[in-house]
Protein backbone atom coordinates (compact mmCIF):
# COMPACT_ATOMS: atom_id res chain seq x y z
CA MET A 1 -0.10 -0.04 -0.04
CA MET A 2 1.26 3.45 -0.86
CA SER A 3 1.53 6.13 1.41
CA ASP A 4 2.18 10.04 1.46
CA LYS A 5 4.49 9.31 4.47
CA LYS A 6 8.37 8.97 4.14
CA ASP A 7 10.30 6.26 5.77
CA ASP A 8 10.97 8.54 8.77
CA GLY A 9 7.59 9.09 9.44
CA SER A 10 7.10 12.58 8.30
CA ASP A 11 4.29 13.65 6.07
CA ALA A 12 5.71 14.50 2.45
CA SER A 13 2.45 16.25 1.38
CA ILE A 14 2.62 20.12 1.44
CA LEU A 15 -0.17 22.48 2.04
CA VAL A 16 0.26 25.67 0.56
CA GLU A 17 -2.05 28.60 1.88
CA THR A 18 -2.83 31.14 -0.71
CA ARG A 19 -3.87 34.42 0.62
CA PRO A 20 -6.02 36.81 -1.63
CA LYS A 21 -4.30 39.98 -2.79
CA THR A 22 -5.45 42.74 -0.80
CA LYS A 23 -5.51 46.01 -2.23
CA ARG A 24 -4.17 49.05 -0.51
CA PRO A 25 -6.66 51.57 0.27
CA PRO A 26 -6.68 54.79 -1.75
CA LEU A 27 -4.71 57.75 -0.32
CA TYR A 28 -6.01 61.31 -0.36
CA LYS A 29 -4.01 64.35 -0.77
CA VAL A 30 -4.96 67.16 1.66
CA LEU A 31 -4.70 70.55 0.02
CA LEU A 32 -4.65 74.05 1.54
CA LEU A 33 -5.84 77.01 -0.68
CA ASN A 34 -4.67 80.60 -0.89
CA ASP A 35 -6.86 83.40 -0.14
CA ASP A 36 -6.37 87.08 0.05
CA TYR A 37 -7.62 87.44 3.67
CA THR A 38 -5.97 84.57 5.95
CA PRO A 39 -2.87 85.97 7.56
CA MET A 40 0.37 84.00 6.62
CA GLU A 41 1.31 83.45 10.32
CA PHE A 42 -2.04 81.88 10.90
CA VAL A 43 -1.31 79.45 7.87
CA VAL A 44 1.99 78.51 9.42
CA HIS A 45 0.24 77.80 12.67
CA VAL A 46 -2.29 75.48 11.23
CA LEU A 47 0.68 73.50 9.29
CA GLU A 48 2.47 73.23 12.64
CA ARG A 49 -0.47 72.30 14.74
CA PHE A 50 -2.51 69.76 12.27
CA PHE A 51 0.32 68.56 10.15
CA GLY A 52 3.21 68.40 12.57
CA MET A 53 5.61 70.48 10.65
CA ASN A 54 8.31 72.39 12.21
CA HIS A 55 8.37 76.14 11.71
CA ALA A 56 10.70 76.20 8.67
CA GLN A 57 8.83 73.55 6.92
CA ALA A 58 5.44 75.23 7.44
CA PHE A 59 6.88 78.59 6.55
CA GLU A 60 8.19 77.03 2.99
CA VAL A 61 4.57 75.38 2.61
CA MET A 62 2.88 78.64 3.29
CA LEU A 63 5.03 80.58 0.92
CA THR A 64 4.13 77.84 -1.80
CA VAL A 65 0.46 78.26 -1.03
CA HIS A 66 0.62 82.04 -1.11
CA LYS A 67 2.72 81.88 -4.61
CA LYS A 68 0.98 78.91 -6.32
CA GLY A 69 -2.51 79.12 -4.93
CA VAL A 70 -2.72 75.67 -3.52
CA ALA A 71 -0.29 73.07 -1.78
CA VAL A 72 -0.60 69.48 -1.02
CA VAL A 73 0.18 69.36 2.88
CA GLY A 74 -0.13 65.92 3.46
CA VAL A 75 -1.09 62.34 1.95
CA PHE A 76 -3.39 60.35 4.14
CA SER A 77 -6.07 57.28 4.31
CA HIS A 78 -9.61 58.56 3.59
CA GLU A 79 -10.56 58.90 7.21
CA ILE A 80 -7.55 60.66 8.39
CA ALA A 81 -7.66 63.18 5.37
CA GLU A 82 -11.19 63.75 5.99
CA THR A 83 -10.49 64.38 9.74
CA LYS A 84 -7.60 66.90 9.07
CA VAL A 85 -9.70 68.78 6.66
CA GLY A 86 -12.36 69.18 9.14
CA GLN A 87 -10.16 70.41 12.03
CA VAL A 88 -8.44 72.83 9.86
CA MET A 89 -11.57 74.17 8.38
CA ASP A 90 -13.26 74.40 12.02
CA PHE A 91 -10.26 76.00 13.46
CA ALA A 92 -10.16 78.64 10.67
CA ARG A 93 -13.91 79.31 11.24
CA ARG A 94 -13.35 79.73 14.80
CA HIS A 95 -10.61 82.23 14.31
CA GLN A 96 -12.91 84.06 11.49
CA HIS A 97 -10.59 83.16 8.76
CA PRO A 98 -11.83 81.88 5.09
CA LEU A 99 -9.02 79.44 4.62
CA GLN A 100 -9.97 76.52 2.56
CA CYS A 101 -8.54 73.08 2.87
CA THR A 102 -9.57 70.12 0.67
CA MET A 103 -8.85 66.62 -0.22
CA GLU A 104 -8.62 64.65 -3.24
CA LYS A 105 -7.68 61.13 -4.27
CA GLU A 106 -4.27 60.59 -5.23
CA ASP A 107 -3.57 59.09 -8.75
């Protein structure tokens, strides 16, 4: 009688587990938009507070927003991007600034 067992008693049959390929969730860019009313210092403060930038990084990004009209300030999962946008918008409104923050799906 033939068996899958080797002479040493070990099982020669191999089980191969296949895992379905899981797709990474899409990432979202958080964008800060320029306006003519929000003070530059406030934008720097927002970048430091909500995006963890140091003062020099925040200042550079603020200048990009000011000169180009928009800048990507971070890339996150949908939930985190949505939260960041909400935090920035609420903070700006509470301080009576028209600063706009949006998100868009990364390509």
